[in-house]
Amino acid sequence: MRSRQVAIVAQVADDLDFDFIDIRAVQLDPVDLRGLPRIKEDQTEWVPPRFLPSTGKGILFLDELTSAPQMTQADCYQLVLDRKLGEYVLPDGWVVIAAGNPASERVCISRCRGRCATGLFISTSKLT
């Protein structure tokens, strides 16, 4: 069952004819976002997961961010704020929206600081 927030963001993506990727941050470990390392030409590189977009335009929705482990939150914040994660760069045409419950909701949350207290973030987009 989709939450109201997910349904709203999915509808916006549909109205804009954008792809929509819904990621529940609470269900991820940091390696799930960053990907796995491999050796190439005697150097380590990270292989990003398939669920991160590589082309097109769309909305990447990171839900339940405040309930995720702190290391996963840090990776998500890098996607939101910097549009990248390690070597992975979010393609132009994609926007990241992250949502989470504030502490006042008295749900399971991992302590976060700064801008995360607002409960909703939208990345600086490069929509084309």
Protein backbone atom coordinates (compact mmCIF):
# COMPACT_ATOMS: atom_id res chain seq x y z
CA MET A 1 0.00 0.00 0.00
CA ARG A 2 1.41 3.37 -1.03
CA SER A 3 1.63 6.18 1.46
CA ARG A 4 -0.05 9.45 0.63
CA GLN A 5 3.34 11.10 0.07
CA VAL A 6 4.42 8.42 -2.40
CA ALA A 7 1.10 8.63 -4.25
CA ILE A 8 1.38 12.42 -4.58
CA VAL A 9 4.96 12.32 -5.90
CA ALA A 10 4.11 9.43 -8.25
CA GLN A 11 1.16 11.43 -9.61
CA VAL A 12 3.37 14.46 -10.21
CA ALA A 13 5.84 12.26 -12.10
CA ASP A 14 3.00 10.78 -14.14
CA ASP A 15 1.56 14.23 -14.93
CA LEU A 16 4.99 15.38 -16.14
CA ASP A 17 5.55 12.14 -18.09
CA PHE A 18 8.60 11.44 -15.91
CA ASP A 19 9.97 8.12 -14.76
CA PHE A 20 9.43 7.48 -11.05
CA ILE A 21 11.72 5.52 -8.74
CA ASP A 22 10.53 4.96 -5.17
CA ILE A 23 13.27 3.97 -2.72
CA ARG A 24 12.56 3.26 0.94
CA ALA A 25 15.75 4.45 2.61
CA VAL A 26 14.90 2.61 5.82
CA GLN A 27 15.29 -0.72 3.99
CA LEU A 28 18.78 0.03 2.68
CA ASP A 29 22.30 -0.38 3.97
CA PRO A 30 24.87 2.15 2.75
CA VAL A 31 26.38 -0.40 0.32
CA ASP A 32 22.95 -0.83 -1.27
CA LEU A 33 23.08 2.78 -2.52
CA ARG A 34 26.77 3.19 -3.23
CA GLY A 35 27.07 -0.18 -4.96
CA LEU A 36 29.83 -2.75 -4.84
CA PRO A 37 33.52 -2.23 -5.49
CA ARG A 38 35.37 -3.96 -8.30
CA ILE A 39 38.93 -3.89 -9.54
CA LYS A 40 39.48 -2.39 -12.98
CA GLU A 41 42.95 -1.70 -14.34
CA ASP A 42 44.48 -2.11 -10.86
CA GLN A 43 42.12 0.43 -9.30
CA THR A 44 38.97 0.08 -7.27
CA GLU A 45 35.79 1.55 -8.71
CA TRP A 46 32.21 1.43 -7.46
CA VAL A 47 29.49 -0.20 -9.50
CA PRO A 48 26.23 1.65 -8.76
CA PRO A 49 23.02 -0.34 -8.33
CA ARG A 50 20.67 -0.74 -11.29
CA PHE A 51 17.83 1.07 -9.53
CA LEU A 52 19.70 4.39 -9.72
CA PRO A 53 18.88 6.12 -13.01
CA SER A 54 21.44 6.46 -15.78
CA THR A 55 19.39 8.18 -18.51
CA GLY A 56 16.11 9.95 -19.14
CA LYS A 57 14.20 12.24 -16.85
CA GLY A 58 12.30 11.52 -13.69
CA ILE A 59 11.87 11.75 -9.96
CA LEU A 60 13.97 9.71 -7.55
CA PHE A 61 11.93 9.58 -4.33
CA LEU A 62 13.77 8.66 -1.13
CA ASP A 63 11.08 7.88 1.43
CA GLU A 64 11.36 7.14 5.15
CA LEU A 65 14.70 8.92 5.24
CA THR A 66 14.58 9.83 8.92
CA SER A 67 14.02 6.18 9.87
CA ALA A 68 17.07 4.96 7.93
CA PRO A 69 20.42 4.18 9.60
CA GLN A 70 22.66 7.26 9.84
CA MET A 71 25.16 6.00 7.25
CA THR A 72 22.33 5.43 4.78
CA GLN A 73 20.98 8.90 5.57
CA ALA A 74 24.41 10.35 4.78
CA ASP A 75 24.43 8.67 1.36
CA CYS A 76 20.91 9.90 0.66
CA TYR A 77 21.84 13.46 1.66
CA GLN A 78 24.74 13.38 -0.78
CA LEU A 79 22.30 12.41 -3.55
CA VAL A 80 19.89 15.19 -2.56
CA LEU A 81 22.42 17.96 -1.96
CA ASP A 82 25.21 17.13 -4.41
CA ARG A 83 23.33 15.08 -7.04
CA LYS A 84 26.00 12.42 -6.75
CA LEU A 85 27.05 9.52 -4.56
CA GLY A 86 30.69 8.57 -4.69
CA GLU A 87 31.48 8.19 -8.39
CA TYR A 88 27.81 8.02 -9.42
CA VAL A 89 26.31 11.25 -10.79
CA LEU A 90 22.56 11.71 -11.09
CA PRO A 91 21.78 12.44 -14.75
CA ASP A 92 20.46 15.84 -15.81
CA GLY A 93 16.71 15.57 -16.12
CA TRP A 94 16.31 13.84 -12.75
CA VAL A 95 15.26 15.42 -9.48
CA VAL A 96 15.57 13.88 -6.03
CA ILE A 97 12.82 14.27 -3.46
CA ALA A 98 13.38 12.92 0.03
CA ALA A 99 10.78 12.64 2.77
CA GLY A 100 10.77 11.52 6.36
CA ASN A 101 8.84 11.89 9.55
CA PRO A 102 9.89 14.59 12.03
CA ALA A 103 10.69 13.54 15.60
CA SER A 104 7.43 15.14 16.74
CA GLU A 105 5.53 12.32 14.99
CA ARG A 106 6.95 9.88 17.56
CA VAL A 107 7.81 7.22 15.03
CA CYS A 108 11.05 5.29 14.77
CA ILE A 109 13.66 7.78 13.60
CA SER A 110 17.44 7.94 13.50
CA ARG A 111 18.73 11.22 14.83
CA CYS A 112 19.55 13.65 12.06
CA ARG A 113 20.66 17.24 12.12
CA GLY A 114 20.31 20.42 10.15
CA ARG A 115 18.00 20.58 7.19
CA CYS A 116 16.70 17.05 7.73
CA ALA A 117 14.53 18.32 10.57
CA THR A 118 12.11 19.76 8.01
CA GLY A 119 11.12 16.31 6.77
CA LEU A 120 11.16 17.10 3.02
CA PHE A 121 14.00 17.91 0.65
CA ILE A 122 14.06 18.59 -3.04
CA SER A 123 17.35 18.62 -4.90
CA THR A 124 18.55 21.41 -7.12
CA SER A 125 17.36 20.02 -10.41
CA LYS A 126 18.88 20.15 -13.83
CA LEU A 127 15.75 19.35 -15.75
CA THR A 128 16.10 19.64 -19.51
